[in-house]
C-alpha atoms as a PDB file:
ATOM      1  CA  MET A   1      54.456  24.902 -15.843  1.00  0.00           C
ATOM      2  CA  VAL A   2      54.095  28.575 -13.495  1.00  0.00           C
ATOM      3  CA  GLU A   3      55.113  27.858 -10.224  1.00  0.00           C
ATOM      4  CA  VAL A   4      52.553  28.997  -7.115  1.00  0.00           C
ATOM      5  CA  PRO A   5      54.023  31.330  -4.451  1.00  0.00           C
ATOM      6  CA  HIS A   6      53.076  30.527  -1.178  1.00  0.00           C
ATOM      7  CA  ASP A   7      51.783  33.971  -0.597  1.00  0.00           C
ATOM      8  CA  GLU A   8      49.283  34.209  -2.877  1.00  0.00           C
ATOM      9  CA  PRO A   9      45.759  34.179  -1.996  1.00  0.00           C
ATOM     10  CA  GLU A  10      43.080  31.023  -2.468  1.00  0.00           C
ATOM     11  CA  PRO A  11      39.837  31.612  -3.010  1.00  0.00           C
ATOM     12  CA  ARG A  12      38.557  28.226  -1.247  1.00  0.00           C
ATOM     13  CA  PRO A  13      36.843  28.849   1.388  1.00  0.00           C
ATOM     14  CA  SER A  14      35.679  26.174   3.473  1.00  0.00           C
ATOM     15  CA  TRP A  15      31.790  25.327   4.990  1.00  0.00           C
ATOM     16  CA  LYS A  16      32.275  26.466   7.961  1.00  0.00           C
ATOM     17  CA  LYS A  17      33.941  30.010   7.292  1.00  0.00           C
ATOM     18  CA  MET A  18      30.957  30.365   5.228  1.00  0.00           C
ATOM     19  CA  VAL A  19      28.517  29.831   7.537  1.00  0.00           C
ATOM     20  CA  GLY A  20      29.928  31.576   9.675  1.00  0.00           C
ATOM     21  CA  LEU A  21      29.907  35.266   7.809  1.00  0.00           C
ATOM     22  CA  ALA A  22      27.144  34.504   7.007  1.00  0.00           C
ATOM     23  CA  LEU A  23      25.480  34.435  10.156  1.00  0.00           C
ATOM     24  CA  ILE A  24      27.844  37.322  11.231  1.00  0.00           C
ATOM     25  CA  ALA A  25      26.557  39.463   7.514  1.00  0.00           C
ATOM     26  CA  LEU A  26      22.892  38.701   9.280  1.00  0.00           C
ATOM     27  CA  ALA A  27      23.974  39.499  13.108  1.00  0.00           C
ATOM     28  CA  LEU A  28      26.048  43.117  11.954  1.00  0.00           C
ATOM     29  CA  PHE A  29      22.572  43.453   9.761  1.00  0.00           C
ATOM     30  CA  THR A  30      20.375  43.241  12.769  1.00  0.00           C
ATOM     31  CA  ILE A  31      22.743  45.278  15.311  1.00  0.00           C
ATOM     32  CA  VAL A  32      22.309  48.363  12.389  1.00  0.00           C
ATOM     33  CA  TYR A  33      18.736  47.895  11.699  1.00  0.00           C
ATOM     34  CA  PHE A  34      18.252  48.463  15.643  1.00  0.00           C
ATOM     35  CA  SER A  35      20.533  51.017  16.552  1.00  0.00           C
ATOM     36  CA  PRO A  36      21.284  54.331  16.579  1.00  0.00           C
ATOM     37  CA  LEU A  37      24.177  53.056  13.379  1.00  0.00           C
ATOM     38  CA  HIS A  38      21.282  53.248  10.896  1.00  0.00           C
ATOM     39  CA  VAL A  39      21.590  56.806  10.946  1.00  0.00           C
ATOM     40  CA  TYR A  40      24.937  56.356   9.191  1.00  0.00           C
ATOM     41  CA  LEU A  41      23.175  54.740   6.456  1.00  0.00           C
ATOM     42  CA  GLY A  42      21.389  57.916   5.935  1.00  0.00           C
ATOM     43  CA  HIS A  43      24.942  59.305   3.925  1.00  0.00           C
ATOM     44  CA  TRP A  44      24.827  56.612   0.982  1.00  0.00           C
ATOM     45  CA  ARG A  45      20.600  57.332   0.880  1.00  0.00           C
ATOM     46  CA  GLU A  46      21.669  60.481   0.741  1.00  0.00           C
ATOM     47  CA  VAL A  47      24.139  59.517  -2.528  1.00  0.00           C
ATOM     48  CA  SER A  48      21.199  57.753  -4.337  1.00  0.00           C
ATOM     49  CA  ASP A  49      18.858  59.765  -3.751  1.00  0.00           C
ATOM     50  CA  GLN A  50      21.229  62.404  -5.662  1.00  0.00           C
ATOM     51  CA  ILE A  51      20.832  59.784  -8.257  1.00  0.00           C
ATOM     52  CA  ARG A  52      17.295  59.868  -8.725  1.00  0.00           C
ATOM     53  CA  SER A  53      16.574  63.572  -8.707  1.00  0.00           C
ATOM     54  CA  PHE A  54      18.354  63.969 -11.890  1.00  0.00           C
ATOM     55  CA  GLY A  55      15.076  61.732 -13.444  1.00  0.00           C
ATOM     56  CA  ALA A  56      14.937  59.619 -16.427  1.00  0.00           C
ATOM     57  CA  LEU A  57      18.714  61.110 -16.322  1.00  0.00           C
ATOM     58  CA  GLY A  58      19.929  59.311 -13.673  1.00  0.00           C
ATOM     59  CA  PRO A  59      20.725  55.584 -14.729  1.00  0.00           C
ATOM     60  CA  LEU A  60      23.051  57.243 -17.125  1.00  0.00           C
ATOM     61  CA  VAL A  61      24.941  59.360 -14.536  1.00  0.00           C
ATOM     62  CA  LEU A  62      24.793  56.418 -12.372  1.00  0.00           C
ATOM     63  CA  THR A  63      26.935  54.319 -15.033  1.00  0.00           C
ATOM     64  CA  LEU A  64      29.495  57.316 -15.775  1.00  0.00           C
ATOM     65  CA  GLY A  65      30.426  57.921 -12.054  1.00  0.00           C
ATOM     66  CA  VAL A  66      30.500  53.757 -12.183  1.00  0.00           C
ATOM     67  CA  ALA A  67      33.025  53.742 -14.824  1.00  0.00           C
ATOM     68  CA  LEU A  68      34.836  57.044 -13.580  1.00  0.00           C
ATOM     69  CA  LEU A  69      35.487  55.848 -10.713  1.00  0.00           C
ATOM     70  CA  VAL A  70      36.095  51.851 -11.257  1.00  0.00           C
ATOM     71  CA  GLY A  71      38.312  52.995 -14.082  1.00  0.00           C
ATOM     72  CA  ILE A  72      41.088  54.568 -11.410  1.00  0.00           C
ATOM     73  CA  GLY A  73      41.110  52.378  -8.916  1.00  0.00           C
ATOM     74  CA  PHE A  74      37.871  52.258  -6.586  1.00  0.00           C
ATOM     75  CA  PRO A  75      36.215  49.385  -5.361  1.00  0.00           C
ATOM     76  CA  ARG A  76      33.231  48.719  -7.219  1.00  0.00           C
ATOM     77  CA  LEU A  77      31.151  46.438  -4.465  1.00  0.00           C
ATOM     78  CA  VAL A  78      30.764  49.988  -2.960  1.00  0.00           C
ATOM     79  CA  PHE A  79      28.359  51.516  -6.299  1.00  0.00           C
ATOM     80  CA  CYS A  80      26.279  47.771  -6.122  1.00  0.00           C
ATOM     81  CA  VAL A  81      25.233  48.566  -2.599  1.00  0.00           C
ATOM     82  CA  ILE A  82      24.509  52.552  -3.563  1.00  0.00           C
ATOM     83  CA  ALA A  83      22.522  51.534  -6.859  1.00  0.00           C
ATOM     84  CA  GLY A  84      20.589  48.769  -5.165  1.00  0.00           C
ATOM     85  CA  MET A  85      19.619  52.073  -2.477  1.00  0.00           C
ATOM     86  CA  ALA A  86      18.938  54.281  -5.576  1.00  0.00           C
ATOM     87  CA  PHE A  87      16.942  51.914  -8.326  1.00  0.00           C
ATOM     88  CA  GLY A  88      16.321  48.242  -6.714  1.00  0.00           C
ATOM     89  CA  PHE A  89      17.600  45.824  -7.086  1.00  0.00           C
ATOM     90  CA  TRP A  90      17.296  44.718 -10.941  1.00  0.00           C
ATOM     91  CA  SER A  91      17.807  47.883 -12.248  1.00  0.00           C
ATOM     92  CA  GLY A  92      20.844  48.961  -9.486  1.00  0.00           C
ATOM     93  CA  LEU A  93      22.282  45.679 -10.916  1.00  0.00           C
ATOM     94  CA  LEU A  94      21.917  46.440 -14.524  1.00  0.00           C
ATOM     95  CA  TRP A  95      23.392  49.974 -14.113  1.00  0.00           C
ATOM     96  CA  ALA A  96      26.143  49.441 -11.981  1.00  0.00           C
ATOM     97  CA  GLN A  97      27.792  46.630 -13.320  1.00  0.00           C
ATOM     98  CA  LEU A  98      27.359  47.957 -17.309  1.00  0.00           C
ATOM     99  CA  GLY A  99      29.230  51.239 -15.255  1.00  0.00           C
ATOM    100  CA  THR A 100      31.417  48.735 -14.426  1.00  0.00           C
ATOM    101  CA  LEU A 101      32.194  47.203 -17.077  1.00  0.00           C
ATOM    102  CA  ILE A 102      32.962  50.378 -18.697  1.00  0.00           C
ATOM    103  CA  GLY A 103      35.747  51.070 -16.189  1.00  0.00           C
ATOM    104  CA  ASN A 104      36.846  47.902 -16.409  1.00  0.00           C
ATOM    105  CA  TYR A 105      37.550  47.761 -20.171  1.00  0.00           C
ATOM    106  CA  ALA A 106      38.201  51.382 -20.919  1.00  0.00           C
ATOM    107  CA  LEU A 107      41.406  50.470 -17.719  1.00  0.00           C
ATOM    108  CA  PHE A 108      42.199  47.384 -20.248  1.00  0.00           C
ATOM    109  CA  LEU A 109      42.214  49.031 -23.291  1.00  0.00           C
ATOM    110  CA  VAL A 110      44.363  51.934 -21.936  1.00  0.00           C
ATOM    111  CA  VAL A 111      47.480  49.077 -20.432  1.00  0.00           C
ATOM    112  CA  ARG A 112      47.311  47.971 -24.056  1.00  0.00           C
ATOM    113  CA  VAL A 113      47.737  49.910 -26.228  1.00  0.00           C
ATOM    114  CA  LYS A 114      49.770  52.441 -22.827  1.00  0.00           C
ATOM    115  CA  GLY A 115      50.935  50.214 -21.005  1.00  0.00           C
ATOM    116  CA  ARG A 116      51.966  47.001 -21.106  1.00  0.00           C
ATOM    117  CA  ASP A 117      55.782  47.056 -20.001  1.00  0.00           C
ATOM    118  CA  TRP A 118      54.612  49.126 -16.206  1.00  0.00           C
ATOM    119  CA  ALA A 119      51.492  46.131 -16.067  1.00  0.00           C
ATOM    120  CA  GLN A 120      54.082  43.106 -16.426  1.00  0.00           C
ATOM    121  CA  ARG A 121      56.039  44.835 -13.596  1.00  0.00           C
ATOM    122  CA  PHE A 122      53.502  45.463 -11.299  1.00  0.00           C
ATOM    123  CA  ILE A 123      52.114  41.497 -11.733  1.00  0.00           C
ATOM    124  CA  SER A 124      55.798  39.482 -11.689  1.00  0.00           C
ATOM    125  CA  ARG A 125      54.963  38.257  -8.479  1.00  0.00           C
ATOM    126  CA  ARG A 126      51.279  37.536  -9.792  1.00  0.00           C
ATOM    127  CA  ALA A 127      52.239  34.017 -10.827  1.00  0.00           C
ATOM    128  CA  ARG A 128      49.450  31.804 -10.048  1.00  0.00           C
ATOM    129  CA  LEU A 129      46.724  35.063 -11.567  1.00  0.00           C
ATOM    130  CA  GLN A 130      48.895  35.013 -15.063  1.00  0.00           C
ATOM    131  CA  GLY A 131      48.934  31.112 -14.893  1.00  0.00           C
ATOM    132  CA  ILE A 132      44.346  31.373 -14.061  1.00  0.00           C
ATOM    133  CA  VAL A 133      43.828  34.131 -16.812  1.00  0.00           C
ATOM    134  CA  GLN A 134      46.262  33.006 -19.432  1.00  0.00           C
ATOM    135  CA  GLN A 135      45.705  28.772 -18.946  1.00  0.00           C
ATOM    136  CA  GLN A 136      41.089  29.011 -18.763  1.00  0.00           C
ATOM    137  CA  GLY A 137      40.526  31.889 -21.772  1.00  0.00           C
ATOM    138  CA  VAL A 138      37.184  33.352 -20.770  1.00  0.00           C
ATOM    139  CA  LEU A 139      36.974  30.655 -17.576  1.00  0.00           C
ATOM    140  CA  GLY A 140      40.147  32.592 -16.261  1.00  0.00           C
ATOM    141  CA  VAL A 141      39.128  35.441 -16.135  1.00  0.00           C
ATOM    142  CA  VAL A 142      35.693  34.510 -14.456  1.00  0.00           C
ATOM    143  CA  LEU A 143      37.958  32.480 -11.826  1.00  0.00           C
ATOM    144  CA  ALA A 144      40.453  35.565 -11.989  1.00  0.00           C
ATOM    145  CA  ARG A 145      37.413  38.623 -11.041  1.00  0.00           C
ATOM    146  CA  GLN A 146      36.282  35.839  -7.742  1.00  0.00           C
ATOM    147  CA  VAL A 147      40.330  36.000  -6.146  1.00  0.00           C
ATOM    148  CA  PRO A 148      40.198  38.419  -3.474  1.00  0.00           C
ATOM    149  CA  LEU A 149      42.492  41.060  -5.352  1.00  0.00           C
ATOM    150  CA  PRO A 150      41.911  44.329  -5.946  1.00  0.00           C
ATOM    151  CA  GLY A 151      39.719  44.748  -9.048  1.00  0.00           C
ATOM    152  CA  MET A 152      42.485  47.308 -11.035  1.00  0.00           C
ATOM    153  CA  LEU A 153      45.066  44.662 -10.724  1.00  0.00           C
ATOM    154  CA  ILE A 154      42.994  41.804 -12.811  1.00  0.00           C
ATOM    155  CA  ASN A 155      42.771  44.578 -15.335  1.00  0.00           C
ATOM    156  CA  LEU A 156      46.246  44.500 -15.481  1.00  0.00           C
ATOM    157  CA  ALA A 157      46.953  40.769 -15.864  1.00  0.00           C
ATOM    158  CA  CYS A 158      44.161  40.499 -18.826  1.00  0.00           C
ATOM    159  CA  ALA A 159      46.223  43.640 -20.591  1.00  0.00           C
ATOM    160  CA  PHE A 160      49.367  41.818 -20.366  1.00  0.00           C
ATOM    161  CA  LEU A 161      48.191  38.050 -21.210  1.00  0.00           C
ATOM    162  CA  PRO A 162      47.437  37.873 -24.374  1.00  0.00           C
ATOM    163  CA  ILE A 163      43.225  37.252 -23.407  1.00  0.00           C
ATOM    164  CA  THR A 164      40.913  38.640 -27.059  1.00  0.00           C
ATOM    165  CA  HIS A 165      38.716  41.548 -25.773  1.00  0.00           C
ATOM    166  CA  PHE A 166      36.255  39.199 -26.276  1.00  0.00           C
ATOM    167  CA  ASN A 167      37.021  36.804 -23.467  1.00  0.00           C
ATOM    168  CA  PHE A 168      37.750  40.256 -21.537  1.00  0.00           C
ATOM    169  CA  LEU A 169      34.321  41.451 -21.903  1.00  0.00           C
ATOM    170  CA  LEU A 170      32.320  38.548 -21.708  1.00  0.00           C
ATOM    171  CA  GLY A 171      34.481  36.589 -18.578  1.00  0.00           C
ATOM    172  CA  THR A 172      34.509  40.197 -16.390  1.00  0.00           C
ATOM    173  CA  LEU A 173      30.731  40.569 -17.041  1.00  0.00           C
ATOM    174  CA  ILE A 174      30.174  37.184 -16.302  1.00  0.00           C
ATOM    175  CA  GLY A 175      33.082  36.621 -13.366  1.00  0.00           C
ATOM    176  CA  GLN A 176      31.313  39.983 -12.113  1.00  0.00           C
ATOM    177  CA  LEU A 177      27.742  39.387 -11.554  1.00  0.00           C
ATOM    178  CA  PRO A 178      28.510  36.745  -8.202  1.00  0.00           C
ATOM    179  CA  GLN A 179      30.526  39.054  -5.456  1.00  0.00           C
ATOM    180  CA  ALA A 180      27.749  42.271  -7.210  1.00  0.00           C
ATOM    181  CA  ILE A 181      24.186  40.500  -6.552  1.00  0.00           C
ATOM    182  CA  PRO A 182      24.012  40.002  -3.258  1.00  0.00           C
ATOM    183  CA  CYS A 183      26.004  43.857  -2.672  1.00  0.00           C
ATOM    184  CA  THR A 184      23.017  44.835  -4.324  1.00  0.00           C
ATOM    185  CA  LEU A 185      20.422  42.598  -3.033  1.00  0.00           C
ATOM    186  CA  ILE A 186      22.071  43.943   1.115  1.00  0.00           C
ATOM    187  CA  GLY A 187      21.435  47.958  -1.176  1.00  0.00           C
ATOM    188  CA  ALA A 188      17.727  47.186  -2.546  1.00  0.00           C
ATOM    189  CA  GLY A 189      16.484  45.811   0.926  1.00  0.00           C
ATOM    190  CA  VAL A 190      18.924  47.985   4.031  1.00  0.00           C
ATOM    191  CA  LEU A 191      16.390  50.553   3.643  1.00  0.00           C
ATOM    192  CA  GLN A 192      12.821  49.434   3.461  1.00  0.00           C
ATOM    193  CA  GLN A 193      10.173  50.244   6.145  1.00  0.00           C
ATOM    194  CA  SER A 194       9.976  46.607   6.615  1.00  0.00           C
ATOM    195  CA  PHE A 195      12.412  45.015   8.783  1.00  0.00           C
ATOM    196  CA  ALA A 196      11.829  41.598   8.341  1.00  0.00           C
ATOM    197  CA  LYS A 197      11.490  42.230   3.746  1.00  0.00           C
ATOM    198  CA  SER A 198      15.526  43.888   4.733  1.00  0.00           C
ATOM    199  CA  VAL A 199      16.697  40.059   6.647  1.00  0.00           C
ATOM    200  CA  SER A 200      14.636  37.923   3.341  1.00  0.00           C
ATOM    201  CA  LEU A 201      16.469  40.300   1.597  1.00  0.00           C
ATOM    202  CA  ILE A 202      19.999  40.709   2.904  1.00  0.00           C
ATOM    203  CA  GLY A 203      19.613  36.646   3.870  1.00  0.00           C
ATOM    204  CA  LEU A 204      19.178  36.183   0.028  1.00  0.00           C
ATOM    205  CA  ALA A 205      21.569  37.880  -0.722  1.00  0.00           C
ATOM    206  CA  VAL A 206      24.155  35.666   1.855  1.00  0.00           C
ATOM    207  CA  ALA A 207      22.652  32.070  -0.150  1.00  0.00           C
ATOM    208  CA  VAL A 208      23.261  33.709  -3.192  1.00  0.00           C
ATOM    209  CA  ALA A 209      27.013  34.576  -2.766  1.00  0.00           C
ATOM    210  CA  ILE A 210      27.657  31.094  -0.943  1.00  0.00           C
ATOM    211  CA  LEU A 211      26.322  30.147  -3.178  1.00  0.00           C
ATOM    212  CA  ALA A 212      28.449  32.147  -5.779  1.00  0.00           C
ATOM    213  CA  TRP A 213      32.062  30.489  -3.396  1.00  0.00           C
ATOM    214  CA  LEU A 214      30.797  27.168  -3.847  1.00  0.00           C
ATOM    215  CA  GLY A 215      30.262  26.810  -8.024  1.00  0.00           C
ATOM    216  CA  LEU A 216      33.635  28.896  -8.001  1.00  0.00           C
ATOM    217  CA  ARG A 217      35.479  26.409  -5.599  1.00  0.00           C
ATOM    218  CA  PHE A 218      34.290  23.353  -7.956  1.00  0.00           C
ATOM    219  CA  ALA A 219      35.186  24.767 -11.042  1.00  0.00           C
ATOM    220  CA  LEU A 220      38.095  25.076  -9.687  1.00  0.00           C
ATOM    221  CA  ARG A 221      38.468  21.704  -9.342  1.00  0.00           C
ATOM    222  CA  ARG A 222      37.673  20.383 -12.173  1.00  0.00           C
ATOM    223  CA  ILE A 223      40.224  22.707 -13.380  1.00  0.00           C
ATOM    224  CA  ALA A 224      42.577  20.897 -10.850  1.00  0.00           C
ATOM    225  CA  ASP A 225      41.837  17.874 -11.969  1.00  0.00           C
ATOM    226  CA  ARG A 226      42.177  17.936 -15.268  1.00  0.00           C
ATOM    227  CA  LYS A 227      45.647  19.712 -15.243  1.00  0.00           C
ATOM    228  CA  SER A 228      46.420  16.284 -13.472  1.00  0.00           C
ATOM    229  CA  GLU A 229      44.921  14.282 -16.099  1.00  0.00           C
ATOM    230  CA  ASN A 230      46.803  15.800 -18.442  1.00  0.00           C
ATOM    231  CA  ASP A 231      50.061  16.160 -16.776  1.00  0.00           C
ATOM    232  CA  GLN A 232      49.455  12.413 -16.159  1.00  0.00           C
END
C-alpha cells in the first residue's frame, strides 16, 4: 500500500469553506466592478483584443500560445479567463482547453521519452499523487487534476507512472473542466456592460466550481469505501 505523507494537500473542502469562498468571490467582484481597480482589467482586455485582431486565425493563435505557455509551466486558468474575454464562453472554453491539452500532452511525451529518471526524483515525495494516478486509470488522472498542485507536477507523475496515452488524454481533458468552466465564465462575464449580467455569469461560475468540488468529494469517498472493502 502507498503511504500518504502528512504534507500532501487534501482535496476535500467543507461546506463552510466553499460557501465562504463563494461569498468572497462575489464581494471581490463587486468591489472591482465599482472601483478604479476595474481599469486594471483593461490589460487582460488588451490581450484578448489582440487575439481577436487576428480574425479567423485568432483561435489558432490562442491555442498555440496556450499550448506553448502551459507546456513550460504557466498556470492554465489565466488563459481560460483571457479566452472567455476574447471569444465568449463556449468558443473560449473550446480553444483554451485544446491548447491546454496539447501543452500538457507535449510535456507528457517529452518526459516519457527523455526524462523519466528526472521525473521520478521530482515526484518521489508525492506518494499520495502517485497512488491516485496509478490505481485509478482515467479516474485517477481526473482526480489528480483536482489536487491543488501545479499542472506540471501532475504531468510528470503521469509520465513516470504506467499510464496509457489514451488514459492521460481523456483524464486530462475531463479533469481540466471543473476549474476551466468557471474561469472561462468569469472571463466572459467580467467585461459585460450590464452589471446584472456579469453577476449572473460570475454566480454561475461559483456554482459550477462548488458542484465540481462536491463531485470530487463524492468520488474520493467512493474510492476510499472500495479500498476499505477490499482490505477487509
